[in-house]
């Protein structure tokens, strides 16, 4: 195995040839060039179709470039596009990469590379691994989540989209909603109901669905802001081969939990969603308030929160590297991230004061509204705070589960 020093030197040479270095201070920490370029702290994309596609193209292009030389999945086996190196090698590359200007990420790109690819790698058949893992890890093709429904959000096990067996195929009928990136993805992972005669968690099966299959319709949801990032997806007699089934029949809840575990483990700020520490510090410096002891205390709390998040992320990443399915640590990561985002909102509101209420044209000020208005949404997205606390309480602390009236009740008998 190549030693860290040689690997780092080679990675730096590659980054020098493929990206522009960021401005750093004397300690090598990332600095902002205040007032230069675009300033984005949005939590949810508020983009038109064309604008969002441009963001995705940028993220995908950078991932493919890294994948050509194995830098995107450094710890993965070469047959899946990786280099088969250690977590220390991966950490060294990410530390280097952070010093360069690279395209912003996008949820659909992240879902494909960080959720779908590792889930199929862990749970898929050999043919599914051959067909999809390397391709999705390198973002050669995108795969969206088809999980939530009008009646199944945080209570995902309440899904009612039906999948009926017909020989070597399954026929899907139903509706999904809030499906990010469905309009850009050639593939989707759908959580479906295959048995209504048993309790809801036991009658679920997961399928990979071609998004251009006959009978499948994607409708963009236009938000009041004008953005169209979310979609509804309708299934009308959509046929999917049994070879596209992930896991055993009726074992879809295990698959869904694995995907959600990867999702919560990746909910850590690494995808550059919302504002970050450097932007908050840069704002305070620009406004000349860093000598205020209250502001300094707030910034210290914010920095500490982000460091806690980074340390927990290392634990989750180590488990993934060891080939373990994501556990409740992912829920802890998600809660820490949500707390960090909302603490950021509180600190920025104090720093900006009245500037947050009106768009005066001053660079890097009013844009923070995108963060303030979007951050509360992540208390629900990816599983609500209440769901995460239940997971930690029951699976980490060993507390008794909350009483449920639908426990051990056949799905068909649950009042709708």
Foldseek 3Di string as FASTA:
>chain_A
DDDLVVLLVVLLVVCVVPFAFADDDPVRHGADPPPDDDDAFFQDDQDAPVVVVVLAVQQLVVLLVCLVVALLAQCDDVLLSHVVDDPVNNVSNVSSCVRTDGGFFDPQLCLQQQQVLLLCVQFNDPVSNNVRNSCSNSPVFTEWEQQADPVAALNSLLDAFAWEDDPQKTWTFDKGWQTFPLVPGQKYKHWHFHFQQWFSLQRIWIFIAGCPFPQKDWAFDQDPSRGGRIIMIGHDRGMDGNSRTTDDGRNVNVSVVLSLLSVLLPLQCPSVRGDDLNLLVVLCVVVVNCVPPVLVVLSVVLVVLSVVLVVLSVVQVVCVSVSHRRALSSLVSLVSSLVSLVSSLVSLCVRQPPQCVDPPVRPSRVSNVSSNVRSVVSCRPSHHNVSSVQRCCCVPVVDDHDDDPSPGPRNVPPDD
